[in-house]
All heavy atoms as atom14 arrays in JSON, in Angstrom:
{
  "sequence": "CWSIISSNYKIILFGFYPQDILWRPVTAI",
  "atom14_mask": [
    [1, 1, 1, 1, 1, 1, 0, 0, 0, 0, 0, 0, 0, 0],
    [1, 1, 1, 1, 1, 1, 1, 1, 1, 1, 1, 1, 1, 1],
    [1, 1, 1, 1, 1, 1, 0, 0, 0, 0, 0, 0, 0, 0],
    [1, 1, 1, 1, 1, 1, 1, 1, 0, 0, 0, 0, 0, 0],
    [1, 1, 1, 1, 1, 1, 1, 1, 0, 0, 0, 0, 0, 0],
    [1, 1, 1, 1, 1, 1, 0, 0, 0, 0, 0, 0, 0, 0],
    [1, 1, 1, 1, 1, 1, 0, 0, 0, 0, 0, 0, 0, 0],
    [1, 1, 1, 1, 1, 1, 1, 1, 0, 0, 0, 0, 0, 0],
    [1, 1, 1, 1, 1, 1, 1, 1, 1, 1, 1, 1, 0, 0],
    [1, 1, 1, 1, 1, 1, 1, 1, 1, 0, 0, 0, 0, 0],
    [1, 1, 1, 1, 1, 1, 1, 1, 0, 0, 0, 0, 0, 0],
    [1, 1, 1, 1, 1, 1, 1, 1, 0, 0, 0, 0, 0, 0],
    [1, 1, 1, 1, 1, 1, 1, 1, 0, 0, 0, 0, 0, 0],
    [1, 1, 1, 1, 1, 1, 1, 1, 1, 1, 1, 0, 0, 0],
    [1, 1, 1, 1, 0, 0, 0, 0, 0, 0, 0, 0, 0, 0],
    [1, 1, 1, 1, 1, 1, 1, 1, 1, 1, 1, 0, 0, 0],
    [1, 1, 1, 1, 1, 1, 1, 1, 1, 1, 1, 1, 0, 0],
    [1, 1, 1, 1, 1, 1, 1, 0, 0, 0, 0, 0, 0, 0],
    [1, 1, 1, 1, 1, 1, 1, 1, 1, 0, 0, 0, 0, 0],
    [1, 1, 1, 1, 1, 1, 1, 1, 0, 0, 0, 0, 0, 0],
    [1, 1, 1, 1, 1, 1, 1, 1, 0, 0, 0, 0, 0, 0],
    [1, 1, 1, 1, 1, 1, 1, 1, 0, 0, 0, 0, 0, 0],
    [1, 1, 1, 1, 1, 1, 1, 1, 1, 1, 1, 1, 1, 1],
    [1, 1, 1, 1, 1, 1, 1, 1, 1, 1, 1, 0, 0, 0],
    [1, 1, 1, 1, 1, 1, 1, 0, 0, 0, 0, 0, 0, 0],
    [1, 1, 1, 1, 1, 1, 1, 0, 0, 0, 0, 0, 0, 0],
    [1, 1, 1, 1, 1, 1, 1, 0, 0, 0, 0, 0, 0, 0],
    [1, 1, 1, 1, 1, 0, 0, 0, 0, 0, 0, 0, 0, 0],
    [1, 1, 1, 1, 1, 1, 1, 1, 0, 0, 0, 0, 0, 0]
  ],
  "atom14_positions": [
    [[127.77, 87.19, 235.24], [128.18, 87.87, 234.02], [127.31, 87.46, 232.87], [127.67, 86.56, 232.07], [129.66, 87.57, 233.71], [130.3, 88.44, 232.27], [0.0, 0.0, 0.0], [0.0, 0.0, 0.0], [0.0, 0.0, 0.0], [0.0, 0.0, 0.0], [0.0, 0.0, 0.0], [0.0, 0.0, 0.0], [0.0, 0.0, 0.0], [0.0, 0.0, 0.0]],
    [[126.11, 88.04, 232.8], [125.2, 87.69, 231.7], [125.67, 88.36, 230.39], [125.04, 88.14, 229.35], [123.8, 88.17, 232.05], [123.25, 87.56, 233.28], [122.95, 88.21, 234.45], [122.99, 86.16, 233.54], [122.49, 87.3, 235.38], [122.49, 86.03, 234.82], [123.11, 85.03, 232.77], [122.13, 84.84, 235.42], [122.75, 83.78, 233.3], [122.26, 83.72, 234.64]],
    [[126.72, 89.12, 230.45], [127.31, 89.7, 229.23], [127.81, 88.61, 228.3], [127.9, 88.82, 227.1], [128.46, 90.67, 229.59], [128.03, 91.71, 230.4], [0.0, 0.0, 0.0], [0.0, 0.0, 0.0], [0.0, 0.0, 0.0], [0.0, 0.0, 0.0], [0.0, 0.0, 0.0], [0.0, 0.0, 0.0], [0.0, 0.0, 0.0], [0.0, 0.0, 0.0]],
    [[128.15, 87.44, 228.83], [128.58, 86.36, 227.95], [127.47, 85.9, 227.03], [127.74, 85.48, 225.9], [129.05, 85.16, 228.83], [129.69, 84.08, 227.92], [127.92, 84.58, 229.64], [130.27, 82.91, 228.68], [0.0, 0.0, 0.0], [0.0, 0.0, 0.0], [0.0, 0.0, 0.0], [0.0, 0.0, 0.0], [0.0, 0.0, 0.0], [0.0, 0.0, 0.0]],
    [[126.24, 86.09, 227.47], [125.09, 85.74, 226.6], [124.79, 86.88, 225.62], [124.65, 86.65, 224.41], [123.83, 85.48, 227.43], [124.16, 84.38, 228.49], [122.67, 85.01, 226.56], [124.58, 83.07, 227.95], [0.0, 0.0, 0.0], [0.0, 0.0, 0.0], [0.0, 0.0, 0.0], [0.0, 0.0, 0.0], [0.0, 0.0, 0.0], [0.0, 0.0, 0.0]],
    [[124.75, 88.11, 226.11], [124.43, 89.21, 225.22], [125.51, 89.5, 224.19], [125.22, 90.0, 223.11], [124.21, 90.49, 226.07], [125.35, 90.78, 226.84], [0.0, 0.0, 0.0], [0.0, 0.0, 0.0], [0.0, 0.0, 0.0], [0.0, 0.0, 0.0], [0.0, 0.0, 0.0], [0.0, 0.0, 0.0], [0.0, 0.0, 0.0], [0.0, 0.0, 0.0]],
    [[126.73, 89.07, 224.47], [127.81, 89.28, 223.56], [127.99, 88.13, 222.55], [128.55, 88.34, 221.45], [129.15, 89.48, 224.3], [129.12, 90.59, 225.16], [0.0, 0.0, 0.0], [0.0, 0.0, 0.0], [0.0, 0.0, 0.0], [0.0, 0.0, 0.0], [0.0, 0.0, 0.0], [0.0, 0.0, 0.0], [0.0, 0.0, 0.0], [0.0, 0.0, 0.0]],
    [[127.53, 86.97, 222.91], [127.78, 85.79, 222.1], [126.56, 84.99, 221.74], [126.63, 83.83, 221.35], [128.74, 84.83, 222.85], [130.07, 85.49, 223.21], [130.93, 85.68, 222.37], [130.23, 85.86, 224.49], [0.0, 0.0, 0.0], [0.0, 0.0, 0.0], [0.0, 0.0, 0.0], [0.0, 0.0, 0.0], [0.0, 0.0, 0.0], [0.0, 0.0, 0.0]],
    [[125.38, 85.59, 221.85], [124.16, 84.83, 221.61], [124.05, 84.35, 220.16], [123.45, 83.31, 219.9], [122.9, 85.69, 221.95], [122.64, 86.86, 221.04], [121.8, 86.73, 219.95], [123.27, 88.07, 221.2], [121.57, 87.75, 219.08], [123.01, 89.15, 220.38], [122.19, 88.99, 219.31], [121.93, 90.02, 218.45], [0.0, 0.0, 0.0], [0.0, 0.0, 0.0]],
    [[124.66, 85.06, 219.24], [124.6, 84.63, 217.84], [125.41, 83.31, 217.66], [124.95, 82.41, 216.94], [125.16, 85.69, 216.88], [124.28, 86.94, 216.84], [124.87, 87.96, 215.88], [124.0, 89.21, 215.79], [124.56, 90.21, 214.84], [0.0, 0.0, 0.0], [0.0, 0.0, 0.0], [0.0, 0.0, 0.0], [0.0, 0.0, 0.0], [0.0, 0.0, 0.0]],
    [[126.56, 83.22, 218.31], [127.38, 82.01, 218.21], [126.71, 80.89, 218.96], [126.63, 79.72, 218.51], [128.78, 82.27, 218.74], [129.5, 83.27, 217.92], [129.58, 80.97, 218.82], [129.76, 82.84, 216.49], [0.0, 0.0, 0.0], [0.0, 0.0, 0.0], [0.0, 0.0, 0.0], [0.0, 0.0, 0.0], [0.0, 0.0, 0.0], [0.0, 0.0, 0.0]],
    [[126.18, 81.17, 220.17], [125.56, 80.12, 220.99], [124.35, 79.59, 220.32], [124.12, 78.35, 220.32], [125.23, 80.72, 222.39], [126.49, 81.07, 223.14], [124.42, 79.68, 223.19], [126.25, 81.75, 224.48], [0.0, 0.0, 0.0], [0.0, 0.0, 0.0], [0.0, 0.0, 0.0], [0.0, 0.0, 0.0], [0.0, 0.0, 0.0], [0.0, 0.0, 0.0]],
    [[123.49, 80.43, 219.77], [122.22, 79.99, 219.19], [122.33, 79.49, 217.78], [121.54, 78.6, 217.37], [121.2, 81.11, 219.26], [120.77, 81.57, 220.68], [119.76, 82.74, 220.54], [120.16, 80.42, 221.44], [0.0, 0.0, 0.0], [0.0, 0.0, 0.0], [0.0, 0.0, 0.0], [0.0, 0.0, 0.0], [0.0, 0.0, 0.0], [0.0, 0.0, 0.0]],
    [[123.28, 80.0, 216.98], [123.31, 79.65, 215.57], [124.64, 79.1, 215.11], [124.79, 78.8, 213.93], [122.94, 80.88, 214.72], [121.59, 81.45, 215.05], [121.54, 82.66, 215.79], [120.47, 80.83, 214.68], [120.27, 83.17, 216.12], [119.2, 81.38, 214.98], [119.11, 82.55, 215.71], [0.0, 0.0, 0.0], [0.0, 0.0, 0.0], [0.0, 0.0, 0.0]],
    [[125.59, 78.92, 215.98], [126.84, 78.32, 215.64], [127.6, 79.12, 214.59], [127.73, 80.36, 214.69], [0.0, 0.0, 0.0], [0.0, 0.0, 0.0], [0.0, 0.0, 0.0], [0.0, 0.0, 0.0], [0.0, 0.0, 0.0], [0.0, 0.0, 0.0], [0.0, 0.0, 0.0], [0.0, 0.0, 0.0], [0.0, 0.0, 0.0], [0.0, 0.0, 0.0]],
    [[128.05, 78.43, 213.56], [128.87, 79.04, 212.53], [128.06, 79.42, 211.28], [128.61, 79.67, 210.23], [130.02, 78.14, 212.13], [130.94, 77.83, 213.27], [130.95, 76.54, 213.8], [131.77, 78.78, 213.82], [131.76, 76.25, 214.88], [132.59, 78.51, 214.87], [132.61, 77.23, 215.41], [0.0, 0.0, 0.0], [0.0, 0.0, 0.0], [0.0, 0.0, 0.0]],
    [[126.75, 79.49, 211.44], [125.92, 79.97, 210.35], [126.27, 81.41, 210.02], [126.47, 82.18, 210.96], [124.43, 79.87, 210.73], [123.46, 79.77, 209.57], [123.06, 78.55, 209.09], [122.98, 80.92, 208.98], [122.18, 78.44, 208.02], [122.08, 80.85, 207.88], [121.71, 79.6, 207.4], [120.87, 79.51, 206.34], [0.0, 0.0, 0.0], [0.0, 0.0, 0.0]],
    [[126.39, 81.75, 208.73], [126.83, 83.13, 208.38], [125.96, 84.18, 209.07], [124.76, 84.19, 208.95], [126.64, 83.17, 206.85], [126.79, 81.73, 206.42], [126.23, 80.9, 207.54], [0.0, 0.0, 0.0], [0.0, 0.0, 0.0], [0.0, 0.0, 0.0], [0.0, 0.0, 0.0], [0.0, 0.0, 0.0], [0.0, 0.0, 0.0], [0.0, 0.0, 0.0]],
    [[126.61, 85.09, 209.79], [125.87, 86.03, 210.62], [125.14, 87.09, 209.82], [124.23, 87.72, 210.33], [126.82, 86.67, 211.63], [127.42, 85.67, 212.63], [128.11, 86.36, 213.79], [128.07, 87.59, 213.93], [128.76, 85.58, 214.65], [0.0, 0.0, 0.0], [0.0, 0.0, 0.0], [0.0, 0.0, 0.0], [0.0, 0.0, 0.0], [0.0, 0.0, 0.0]],
    [[125.56, 87.32, 208.59], [124.89, 88.33, 207.8], [123.54, 87.86, 207.23], [122.77, 88.62, 206.7], [125.79, 88.78, 206.66], [126.22, 87.66, 205.78], [126.31, 86.47, 206.23], [126.49, 87.88, 204.57], [0.0, 0.0, 0.0], [0.0, 0.0, 0.0], [0.0, 0.0, 0.0], [0.0, 0.0, 0.0], [0.0, 0.0, 0.0], [0.0, 0.0, 0.0]],
    [[123.22, 86.54, 207.35], [121.96, 86.02, 206.85], [121.24, 85.23, 207.95], [120.56, 84.25, 207.7], [122.15, 85.1, 205.61], [123.18, 84.07, 205.91], [122.55, 85.94, 204.41], [123.3, 83.03, 204.74], [0.0, 0.0, 0.0], [0.0, 0.0, 0.0], [0.0, 0.0, 0.0], [0.0, 0.0, 0.0], [0.0, 0.0, 0.0], [0.0, 0.0, 0.0]],
    [[121.41, 85.72, 209.2], [120.74, 85.01, 210.31], [119.21, 85.17, 210.27], [118.53, 84.41, 210.99], [121.24, 85.58, 211.66], [122.68, 85.17, 212.05], [123.02, 85.75, 213.42], [122.81, 83.62, 212.09], [0.0, 0.0, 0.0], [0.0, 0.0, 0.0], [0.0, 0.0, 0.0], [0.0, 0.0, 0.0], [0.0, 0.0, 0.0], [0.0, 0.0, 0.0]],
    [[118.71, 86.03, 209.45], [117.26, 86.15, 209.33], [116.62, 84.84, 208.78], [115.46, 84.58, 209.12], [116.9, 87.33, 208.42], [117.3, 87.1, 206.96], [118.44, 87.51, 206.39], [116.53, 86.47, 205.95], [118.47, 87.15, 205.03], [117.26, 86.54, 204.75], [115.24, 85.89, 205.92], [116.81, 86.0, 203.55], [114.79, 85.38, 204.71], [115.58, 85.44, 203.55]],
    [[117.43, 84.09, 208.08], [116.87, 82.84, 207.54], [116.65, 81.81, 208.58], [115.54, 81.26, 208.7], [117.83, 82.33, 206.45], [117.71, 83.16, 205.14], [118.88, 83.03, 204.2], [119.2, 81.64, 203.89], [120.19, 81.29, 203.07], [120.95, 82.25, 202.47], [120.46, 80.03, 202.81], [0.0, 0.0, 0.0], [0.0, 0.0, 0.0], [0.0, 0.0, 0.0]],
    [[117.6, 81.47, 209.46], [117.3, 80.51, 210.5], [116.28, 81.03, 211.51], [115.47, 80.28, 212.04], [118.64, 80.24, 211.2], [119.51, 81.39, 210.79], [119.04, 81.79, 209.43], [0.0, 0.0, 0.0], [0.0, 0.0, 0.0], [0.0, 0.0, 0.0], [0.0, 0.0, 0.0], [0.0, 0.0, 0.0], [0.0, 0.0, 0.0], [0.0, 0.0, 0.0]],
    [[116.31, 82.38, 211.76], [115.31, 82.95, 212.7], [113.91, 82.74, 212.12], [112.97, 82.36, 212.83], [115.6, 84.44, 212.93], [114.47, 85.08, 213.7], [116.91, 84.6, 213.71], [0.0, 0.0, 0.0], [0.0, 0.0, 0.0], [0.0, 0.0, 0.0], [0.0, 0.0, 0.0], [0.0, 0.0, 0.0], [0.0, 0.0, 0.0], [0.0, 0.0, 0.0]],
    [[113.78, 83.01, 210.83], [112.44, 82.81, 210.17], [112.01, 81.35, 210.25], [110.85, 81.05, 210.55], [112.51, 83.28, 208.73], [112.93, 84.62, 208.67], [111.15, 83.14, 208.08], [0.0, 0.0, 0.0], [0.0, 0.0, 0.0], [0.0, 0.0, 0.0], [0.0, 0.0, 0.0], [0.0, 0.0, 0.0], [0.0, 0.0, 0.0], [0.0, 0.0, 0.0]],
    [[112.95, 80.43, 210.02], [112.62, 79.02, 210.09], [112.22, 78.6, 211.49], [111.22, 77.81, 211.66], [113.82, 78.17, 209.6], [0.0, 0.0, 0.0], [0.0, 0.0, 0.0], [0.0, 0.0, 0.0], [0.0, 0.0, 0.0], [0.0, 0.0, 0.0], [0.0, 0.0, 0.0], [0.0, 0.0, 0.0], [0.0, 0.0, 0.0], [0.0, 0.0, 0.0]],
    [[112.88, 79.1, 212.49], [112.5, 78.76, 213.87], [111.16, 79.35, 214.26], [110.33, 78.68, 214.9], [113.61, 79.27, 214.85], [114.88, 78.48, 214.62], [113.13, 79.14, 216.31], [116.09, 79.02, 215.41], [0.0, 0.0, 0.0], [0.0, 0.0, 0.0], [0.0, 0.0, 0.0], [0.0, 0.0, 0.0], [0.0, 0.0, 0.0], [0.0, 0.0, 0.0]]
  ]
}
């Protein structure tokens, strides 16, 4: 069930960082 990754990758990769501004940690990485 790889759907667990495609459905929750934002939580898994970025934790509780506000999801509406995820471009900031992505840019930093």
